[in-house]
Amino acid sequence: MFWKNKEEHIDYDKRGKIPVLHVSVCTGEKVAGFKDEISGRFEDRMLIRNKRDLQEFLRLYGVEEEELRKDW
């Protein structure tokens, strides 16, 4: 009858993956995702348009803001 808000987390392989905020130098577009430590391949997960989007990414994937690296 009443809907309960579930705390939703999406798991990712933390071994070998680094949470990264990929920022375009030209346009300023920001994309959050994960970078493979060995190959350097970036997997985009979410377009970041504002602070709320960034907080949603951090909450969904269980990432602390201090862990998030910026990649230009």
N, C-alpha and C. Protein backbone atom coordinates (compact mmCIF):
# COMPACT_ATOMS: atom_id res chain seq x y z
N MET A 1 0.81 -1.17 0.00
CA MET A 1 0.00 0.00 0.00
C MET A 1 0.87 1.26 0.00
N PHE A 2 1.81 1.36 0.90
CA PHE A 2 2.70 2.51 0.92
C PHE A 2 4.02 2.11 0.29
N TRP A 3 4.53 3.00 -0.53
CA TRP A 3 5.80 2.73 -1.21
C TRP A 3 6.95 3.16 -0.32
N LYS A 4 7.92 2.31 -0.23
CA LYS A 4 9.09 2.58 0.58
C LYS A 4 10.25 2.96 -0.35
N ASN A 5 10.98 4.01 0.00
CA ASN A 5 12.15 4.38 -0.77
C ASN A 5 13.27 3.39 -0.48
N LYS A 6 13.73 2.70 -1.51
CA LYS A 6 14.83 1.77 -1.35
C LYS A 6 16.15 2.52 -1.53
N GLU A 7 17.11 2.15 -0.75
CA GLU A 7 18.46 2.69 -0.91
C GLU A 7 19.09 1.86 -2.02
N GLU A 8 19.26 2.47 -3.17
CA GLU A 8 19.71 1.76 -4.35
C GLU A 8 21.21 1.96 -4.54
N HIS A 9 21.93 0.87 -4.73
CA HIS A 9 23.37 0.92 -5.04
C HIS A 9 23.62 0.03 -6.24
N ILE A 10 24.44 0.51 -7.14
CA ILE A 10 24.85 -0.29 -8.28
C ILE A 10 26.30 -0.69 -8.02
N ASP A 11 26.55 -1.97 -7.98
CA ASP A 11 27.90 -2.45 -7.72
C ASP A 11 28.74 -2.38 -8.98
N TYR A 12 30.01 -2.11 -8.78
CA TYR A 12 30.98 -2.15 -9.86
C TYR A 12 32.22 -2.85 -9.34
N ASP A 13 33.04 -3.36 -10.23
CA ASP A 13 34.25 -4.07 -9.84
C ASP A 13 35.28 -3.05 -9.35
N LYS A 14 35.44 -2.98 -8.03
CA LYS A 14 36.34 -2.00 -7.45
C LYS A 14 37.81 -2.37 -7.64
N ARG A 15 38.06 -3.63 -7.96
CA ARG A 15 39.43 -4.04 -8.24
C ARG A 15 39.78 -3.61 -9.66
N GLY A 16 40.68 -2.69 -9.78
CA GLY A 16 41.14 -2.27 -11.10
C GLY A 16 40.33 -1.14 -11.72
N LYS A 17 39.29 -0.65 -11.06
CA LYS A 17 38.48 0.44 -11.60
C LYS A 17 38.59 1.66 -10.68
N ILE A 18 38.78 2.80 -11.28
CA ILE A 18 38.91 4.05 -10.54
C ILE A 18 37.74 4.95 -10.93
N PRO A 19 36.99 5.50 -9.96
CA PRO A 19 35.93 6.45 -10.31
C PRO A 19 36.54 7.76 -10.81
N VAL A 20 36.07 8.22 -11.97
CA VAL A 20 36.67 9.38 -12.63
C VAL A 20 35.57 10.32 -13.12
N LEU A 21 35.84 11.61 -13.00
CA LEU A 21 35.00 12.64 -13.60
C LEU A 21 35.76 13.16 -14.81
N HIS A 22 35.28 12.79 -15.99
CA HIS A 22 35.94 13.17 -17.24
C HIS A 22 35.39 14.53 -17.68
N VAL A 23 36.26 15.54 -17.75
CA VAL A 23 35.85 16.91 -18.05
C VAL A 23 36.47 17.36 -19.37
N SER A 24 35.64 17.87 -20.27
CA SER A 24 36.12 18.38 -21.55
C SER A 24 36.72 19.77 -21.34
N VAL A 25 37.91 19.98 -21.86
CA VAL A 25 38.57 21.28 -21.74
C VAL A 25 37.85 22.31 -22.62
N CYS A 26 37.40 21.89 -23.79
CA CYS A 26 36.78 22.82 -24.74
C CYS A 26 35.37 23.24 -24.32
N THR A 27 34.52 22.27 -24.01
CA THR A 27 33.11 22.58 -23.77
C THR A 27 32.72 22.60 -22.30
N GLY A 28 33.55 22.02 -21.44
CA GLY A 28 33.23 21.95 -20.03
C GLY A 28 32.27 20.82 -19.68
N GLU A 29 31.91 19.99 -20.67
CA GLU A 29 31.02 18.86 -20.42
C GLU A 29 31.67 17.87 -19.46
N LYS A 30 30.87 17.38 -18.50
CA LYS A 30 31.37 16.45 -17.49
C LYS A 30 30.64 15.13 -17.61
N VAL A 31 31.41 14.05 -17.57
CA VAL A 31 30.86 12.70 -17.61
C VAL A 31 31.52 11.90 -16.51
N ALA A 32 30.70 11.26 -15.67
CA ALA A 32 31.23 10.42 -14.60
C ALA A 32 31.25 8.98 -15.06
N GLY A 33 32.27 8.27 -14.63
CA GLY A 33 32.39 6.87 -15.01
C GLY A 33 33.56 6.23 -14.30
N PHE A 34 34.06 5.16 -14.91
CA PHE A 34 35.14 4.39 -14.30
C PHE A 34 36.23 4.15 -15.31
N LYS A 35 37.48 4.26 -14.84
CA LYS A 35 38.64 4.07 -15.70
C LYS A 35 39.38 2.82 -15.25
N ASP A 36 39.73 1.98 -16.21
CA ASP A 36 40.49 0.77 -15.93
C ASP A 36 41.93 1.16 -15.65
N GLU A 37 42.48 0.70 -14.52
CA GLU A 37 43.84 1.07 -14.13
C GLU A 37 44.89 0.56 -15.11
N ILE A 38 44.67 -0.60 -15.67
CA ILE A 38 45.69 -1.21 -16.54
C ILE A 38 45.62 -0.66 -17.96
N SER A 39 44.45 -0.73 -18.58
CA SER A 39 44.33 -0.33 -19.98
C SER A 39 44.10 1.17 -20.14
N GLY A 40 43.58 1.85 -19.10
CA GLY A 40 43.27 3.26 -19.19
C GLY A 40 41.95 3.54 -19.90
N ARG A 41 41.20 2.50 -20.21
CA ARG A 41 39.91 2.64 -20.90
C ARG A 41 38.87 3.24 -19.96
N PHE A 42 38.14 4.24 -20.46
CA PHE A 42 37.13 4.94 -19.67
C PHE A 42 35.75 4.41 -20.05
N GLU A 43 34.95 4.04 -19.04
CA GLU A 43 33.57 3.61 -19.24
C GLU A 43 32.65 4.69 -18.68
N ASP A 44 31.95 5.40 -19.56
CA ASP A 44 31.08 6.46 -19.07
C ASP A 44 29.79 5.87 -18.52
N ARG A 45 29.29 6.46 -17.44
CA ARG A 45 28.08 5.98 -16.78
C ARG A 45 27.00 7.04 -16.67
N MET A 46 27.39 8.32 -16.51
CA MET A 46 26.37 9.34 -16.28
C MET A 46 26.87 10.72 -16.71
N LEU A 47 26.02 11.45 -17.42
CA LEU A 47 26.31 12.83 -17.77
C LEU A 47 26.05 13.70 -16.54
N ILE A 48 27.00 14.55 -16.20
CA ILE A 48 26.87 15.41 -15.01
C ILE A 48 26.58 16.84 -15.49
N ARG A 49 25.35 17.29 -15.25
CA ARG A 49 24.94 18.63 -15.66
C ARG A 49 24.98 19.62 -14.51
N ASN A 50 24.86 19.10 -13.28
CA ASN A 50 24.84 19.99 -12.12
C ASN A 50 25.27 19.21 -10.87
N LYS A 51 25.30 19.88 -9.75
CA LYS A 51 25.73 19.27 -8.48
C LYS A 51 24.83 18.11 -8.08
N ARG A 52 23.54 18.22 -8.37
CA ARG A 52 22.59 17.16 -8.03
C ARG A 52 22.92 15.86 -8.79
N ASP A 53 23.29 15.98 -10.07
CA ASP A 53 23.67 14.81 -10.86
C ASP A 53 24.92 14.15 -10.27
N LEU A 54 25.87 14.96 -9.85
CA LEU A 54 27.09 14.43 -9.26
C LEU A 54 26.78 13.69 -7.96
N GLN A 55 25.93 14.26 -7.12
CA GLN A 55 25.56 13.60 -5.87
C GLN A 55 24.81 12.29 -6.14
N GLU A 56 24.00 12.27 -7.17
CA GLU A 56 23.27 11.05 -7.55
C GLU A 56 24.24 9.95 -7.99
N PHE A 57 25.25 10.31 -8.79
CA PHE A 57 26.26 9.34 -9.21
C PHE A 57 26.99 8.78 -8.00
N LEU A 58 27.41 9.65 -7.09
CA LEU A 58 28.13 9.21 -5.90
C LEU A 58 27.27 8.27 -5.05
N ARG A 59 26.00 8.59 -4.92
CA ARG A 59 25.08 7.76 -4.13
C ARG A 59 24.83 6.41 -4.81
N LEU A 60 24.57 6.43 -6.10
CA LEU A 60 24.25 5.20 -6.82
C LEU A 60 25.38 4.18 -6.77
N TYR A 61 26.60 4.66 -6.94
CA TYR A 61 27.74 3.74 -7.00
C TYR A 61 28.49 3.62 -5.69
N GLY A 62 28.06 4.30 -4.65
CA GLY A 62 28.71 4.19 -3.35
C GLY A 62 30.13 4.73 -3.35
N VAL A 63 30.34 5.81 -4.06
CA VAL A 63 31.66 6.42 -4.18
C VAL A 63 31.71 7.66 -3.30
N GLU A 64 32.82 7.85 -2.60
CA GLU A 64 33.05 9.06 -1.82
C GLU A 64 33.60 10.14 -2.75
N GLU A 65 33.26 11.39 -2.48
CA GLU A 65 33.70 12.49 -3.34
C GLU A 65 35.23 12.60 -3.37
N GLU A 66 35.88 12.22 -2.28
CA GLU A 66 37.35 12.27 -2.23
C GLU A 66 37.99 11.25 -3.15
N GLU A 67 37.28 10.15 -3.46
CA GLU A 67 37.80 9.10 -4.34
C GLU A 67 37.74 9.51 -5.79
N LEU A 68 36.85 10.42 -6.14
CA LEU A 68 36.60 10.79 -7.52
C LEU A 68 37.74 11.64 -8.07
N ARG A 69 38.37 11.13 -9.12
CA ARG A 69 39.47 11.88 -9.76
C ARG A 69 38.93 12.66 -10.95
N LYS A 70 39.60 13.76 -11.27
CA LYS A 70 39.24 14.52 -12.48
C LYS A 70 40.24 14.18 -13.57
N ASP A 71 39.70 13.94 -14.76
CA ASP A 71 40.52 13.61 -15.92
C ASP A 71 40.17 14.62 -17.01
N TRP A 72 41.16 15.35 -17.49
CA TRP A 72 40.92 16.40 -18.49
C TRP A 72 41.17 15.87 -19.87
